[in-house]
Amino acid sequence: MAIEEDRYNTWFWVSKIIASCKNIHHINACENLIESYKIMYNDQILASKLCDELDFKIQELIKLK
């Protein structure tokens, strides 16, 4: 049960980091976090949702320029 709780707490934490991205260095760090999440928890579905959030954030940053 603790592993499941950690999985969702970590997912939420990475999601908050993605929301705070301001430049390409932050985006690159988030890509690494997502890859680590996918490996650590072996959860492709939640990792893909993080990828979707990151894609949305990239589009948001592009529109600001």
N, C-alpha and C. Protein backbone atom coordinates (compact mmCIF):
# COMPACT_ATOMS: atom_id res chain seq x y z
N MET A 1 0.81 -1.19 0.00
CA MET A 1 0.00 0.00 0.00
C MET A 1 0.85 1.26 0.00
N ALA A 2 1.96 1.25 0.71
CA ALA A 2 2.83 2.42 0.78
C ALA A 2 3.41 2.75 -0.59
N ILE A 3 3.72 1.73 -1.38
CA ILE A 3 4.27 1.96 -2.71
C ILE A 3 3.23 2.66 -3.58
N GLU A 4 1.98 2.25 -3.49
CA GLU A 4 0.92 2.89 -4.26
C GLU A 4 0.78 4.36 -3.86
N GLU A 5 0.82 4.62 -2.57
CA GLU A 5 0.73 6.00 -2.10
C GLU A 5 1.92 6.81 -2.60
N ASP A 6 3.12 6.25 -2.55
CA ASP A 6 4.30 6.93 -3.05
C ASP A 6 4.17 7.22 -4.55
N ARG A 7 3.63 6.26 -5.29
CA ARG A 7 3.46 6.43 -6.73
C ARG A 7 2.64 7.68 -7.04
N TYR A 8 1.53 7.86 -6.33
CA TYR A 8 0.65 9.00 -6.60
C TYR A 8 1.20 10.29 -6.02
N ASN A 9 1.85 10.22 -4.86
CA ASN A 9 2.49 11.42 -4.31
C ASN A 9 3.61 11.90 -5.23
N THR A 10 4.39 10.98 -5.75
CA THR A 10 5.47 11.33 -6.66
C THR A 10 4.91 11.89 -7.96
N TRP A 11 3.84 11.27 -8.47
CA TRP A 11 3.21 11.76 -9.70
C TRP A 11 2.74 13.20 -9.51
N PHE A 12 2.10 13.47 -8.38
CA PHE A 12 1.61 14.82 -8.11
C PHE A 12 2.76 15.81 -7.99
N TRP A 13 3.86 15.40 -7.35
CA TRP A 13 5.03 16.24 -7.19
C TRP A 13 5.64 16.58 -8.56
N VAL A 14 5.81 15.59 -9.42
CA VAL A 14 6.35 15.84 -10.76
C VAL A 14 5.40 16.75 -11.54
N SER A 15 4.12 16.56 -11.41
CA SER A 15 3.13 17.39 -12.07
C SER A 15 3.27 18.86 -11.65
N LYS A 16 3.49 19.09 -10.36
CA LYS A 16 3.69 20.46 -9.88
C LYS A 16 4.98 21.06 -10.43
N ILE A 17 6.02 20.25 -10.56
CA ILE A 17 7.27 20.75 -11.12
C ILE A 17 7.07 21.13 -12.58
N ILE A 18 6.34 20.30 -13.33
CA ILE A 18 6.06 20.62 -14.73
C ILE A 18 5.34 21.96 -14.82
N ALA A 19 4.37 22.19 -13.96
CA ALA A 19 3.61 23.43 -13.98
C ALA A 19 4.49 24.65 -13.70
N SER A 20 5.60 24.46 -13.02
CA SER A 20 6.46 25.59 -12.67
C SER A 20 7.58 25.84 -13.69
N CYS A 21 7.64 25.06 -14.76
CA CYS A 21 8.70 25.22 -15.76
C CYS A 21 8.66 26.60 -16.40
N LYS A 22 9.87 27.17 -16.58
CA LYS A 22 9.97 28.49 -17.19
C LYS A 22 10.89 28.54 -18.40
N ASN A 23 11.74 27.51 -18.59
CA ASN A 23 12.67 27.54 -19.73
C ASN A 23 13.04 26.12 -20.15
N ILE A 24 13.87 26.03 -21.18
CA ILE A 24 14.24 24.74 -21.76
C ILE A 24 14.98 23.85 -20.76
N HIS A 25 15.75 24.45 -19.87
CA HIS A 25 16.47 23.65 -18.87
C HIS A 25 15.50 22.96 -17.92
N HIS A 26 14.45 23.67 -17.57
CA HIS A 26 13.42 23.06 -16.71
C HIS A 26 12.70 21.94 -17.45
N ILE A 27 12.42 22.15 -18.73
CA ILE A 27 11.76 21.13 -19.55
C ILE A 27 12.62 19.87 -19.61
N ASN A 28 13.91 20.05 -19.85
CA ASN A 28 14.83 18.90 -19.91
C ASN A 28 14.87 18.14 -18.59
N ALA A 29 14.88 18.87 -17.48
CA ALA A 29 14.88 18.23 -16.17
C ALA A 29 13.60 17.43 -15.96
N CYS A 30 12.48 17.98 -16.41
CA CYS A 30 11.20 17.27 -16.28
C CYS A 30 11.16 16.02 -17.13
N GLU A 31 11.75 16.07 -18.31
CA GLU A 31 11.83 14.87 -19.14
C GLU A 31 12.57 13.76 -18.41
N ASN A 32 13.66 14.14 -17.73
CA ASN A 32 14.42 13.16 -16.94
C ASN A 32 13.60 12.63 -15.77
N LEU A 33 12.85 13.50 -15.12
CA LEU A 33 12.00 13.07 -14.00
C LEU A 33 10.93 12.09 -14.48
N ILE A 34 10.34 12.38 -15.62
CA ILE A 34 9.30 11.49 -16.14
C ILE A 34 9.88 10.13 -16.49
N GLU A 35 11.04 10.12 -17.11
CA GLU A 35 11.69 8.85 -17.45
C GLU A 35 12.03 8.06 -16.18
N SER A 36 12.53 8.74 -15.17
CA SER A 36 12.83 8.08 -13.90
C SER A 36 11.56 7.54 -13.24
N TYR A 37 10.48 8.31 -13.32
CA TYR A 37 9.20 7.87 -12.76
C TYR A 37 8.75 6.59 -13.45
N LYS A 38 8.83 6.59 -14.79
CA LYS A 38 8.39 5.42 -15.56
C LYS A 38 9.19 4.18 -15.18
N ILE A 39 10.49 4.34 -14.99
CA ILE A 39 11.35 3.22 -14.62
C ILE A 39 11.08 2.78 -13.18
N MET A 40 11.00 3.74 -12.28
CA MET A 40 10.86 3.41 -10.86
C MET A 40 9.55 2.69 -10.55
N TYR A 41 8.44 3.20 -11.11
CA TYR A 41 7.13 2.65 -10.78
C TYR A 41 6.58 1.72 -11.85
N ASN A 42 7.26 1.62 -12.97
CA ASN A 42 6.84 0.75 -14.07
C ASN A 42 5.36 1.02 -14.42
N ASP A 43 5.05 2.30 -14.55
CA ASP A 43 3.66 2.72 -14.81
C ASP A 43 3.63 3.60 -16.05
N GLN A 44 3.38 2.99 -17.18
CA GLN A 44 3.36 3.69 -18.46
C GLN A 44 2.18 4.66 -18.55
N ILE A 45 1.06 4.31 -17.97
CA ILE A 45 -0.13 5.15 -18.07
C ILE A 45 0.06 6.49 -17.37
N LEU A 46 0.49 6.44 -16.11
CA LEU A 46 0.70 7.70 -15.39
C LEU A 46 1.86 8.49 -15.98
N ALA A 47 2.89 7.80 -16.44
CA ALA A 47 4.02 8.49 -17.07
C ALA A 47 3.56 9.19 -18.35
N SER A 48 2.68 8.57 -19.10
CA SER A 48 2.21 9.20 -20.33
C SER A 48 1.36 10.43 -20.02
N LYS A 49 0.65 10.42 -18.91
CA LYS A 49 -0.11 11.60 -18.50
C LYS A 49 0.84 12.75 -18.14
N LEU A 50 1.96 12.42 -17.52
CA LEU A 50 2.97 13.44 -17.24
C LEU A 50 3.56 13.99 -18.54
N CYS A 51 3.78 13.11 -19.51
CA CYS A 51 4.29 13.55 -20.82
C CYS A 51 3.30 14.50 -21.47
N ASP A 52 2.02 14.19 -21.36
CA ASP A 52 0.99 15.08 -21.92
C ASP A 52 1.01 16.44 -21.24
N GLU A 53 1.17 16.45 -19.93
CA GLU A 53 1.26 17.72 -19.21
C GLU A 53 2.48 18.52 -19.65
N LEU A 54 3.58 17.82 -19.86
CA LEU A 54 4.80 18.49 -20.29
C LEU A 54 4.63 19.04 -21.70
N ASP A 55 4.02 18.30 -22.57
CA ASP A 55 3.75 18.80 -23.93
C ASP A 55 2.89 20.06 -23.88
N PHE A 56 1.87 20.05 -23.04
CA PHE A 56 1.02 21.22 -22.89
C PHE A 56 1.83 22.42 -22.38
N LYS A 57 2.71 22.18 -21.42
CA LYS A 57 3.54 23.25 -20.87
C LYS A 57 4.48 23.81 -21.93
N ILE A 58 5.04 22.95 -22.77
CA ILE A 58 5.92 23.41 -23.84
C ILE A 58 5.14 24.32 -24.79
N GLN A 59 3.93 23.92 -25.16
CA GLN A 59 3.10 24.74 -26.03
C GLN A 59 2.78 26.08 -25.37
N GLU A 60 2.54 26.04 -24.08
CA GLU A 60 2.26 27.27 -23.33
C GLU A 60 3.47 28.20 -23.37
N LEU A 61 4.66 27.67 -23.19
CA LEU A 61 5.88 28.48 -23.20
C LEU A 61 6.15 29.05 -24.59
N ILE A 62 5.86 28.28 -25.62
CA ILE A 62 6.08 28.73 -26.99
C ILE A 62 5.16 29.93 -27.29
N LYS A 63 3.93 29.88 -26.81
CA LYS A 63 2.98 30.97 -27.06
C LYS A 63 3.40 32.26 -26.36
N LEU A 64 4.15 32.16 -25.28
CA LEU A 64 4.59 33.34 -24.54
C LEU A 64 5.68 34.11 -25.29
N LYS A 65 6.36 33.44 -26.20
CA LYS A 65 7.47 34.10 -26.91
C LYS A 65 7.00 34.89 -28.08
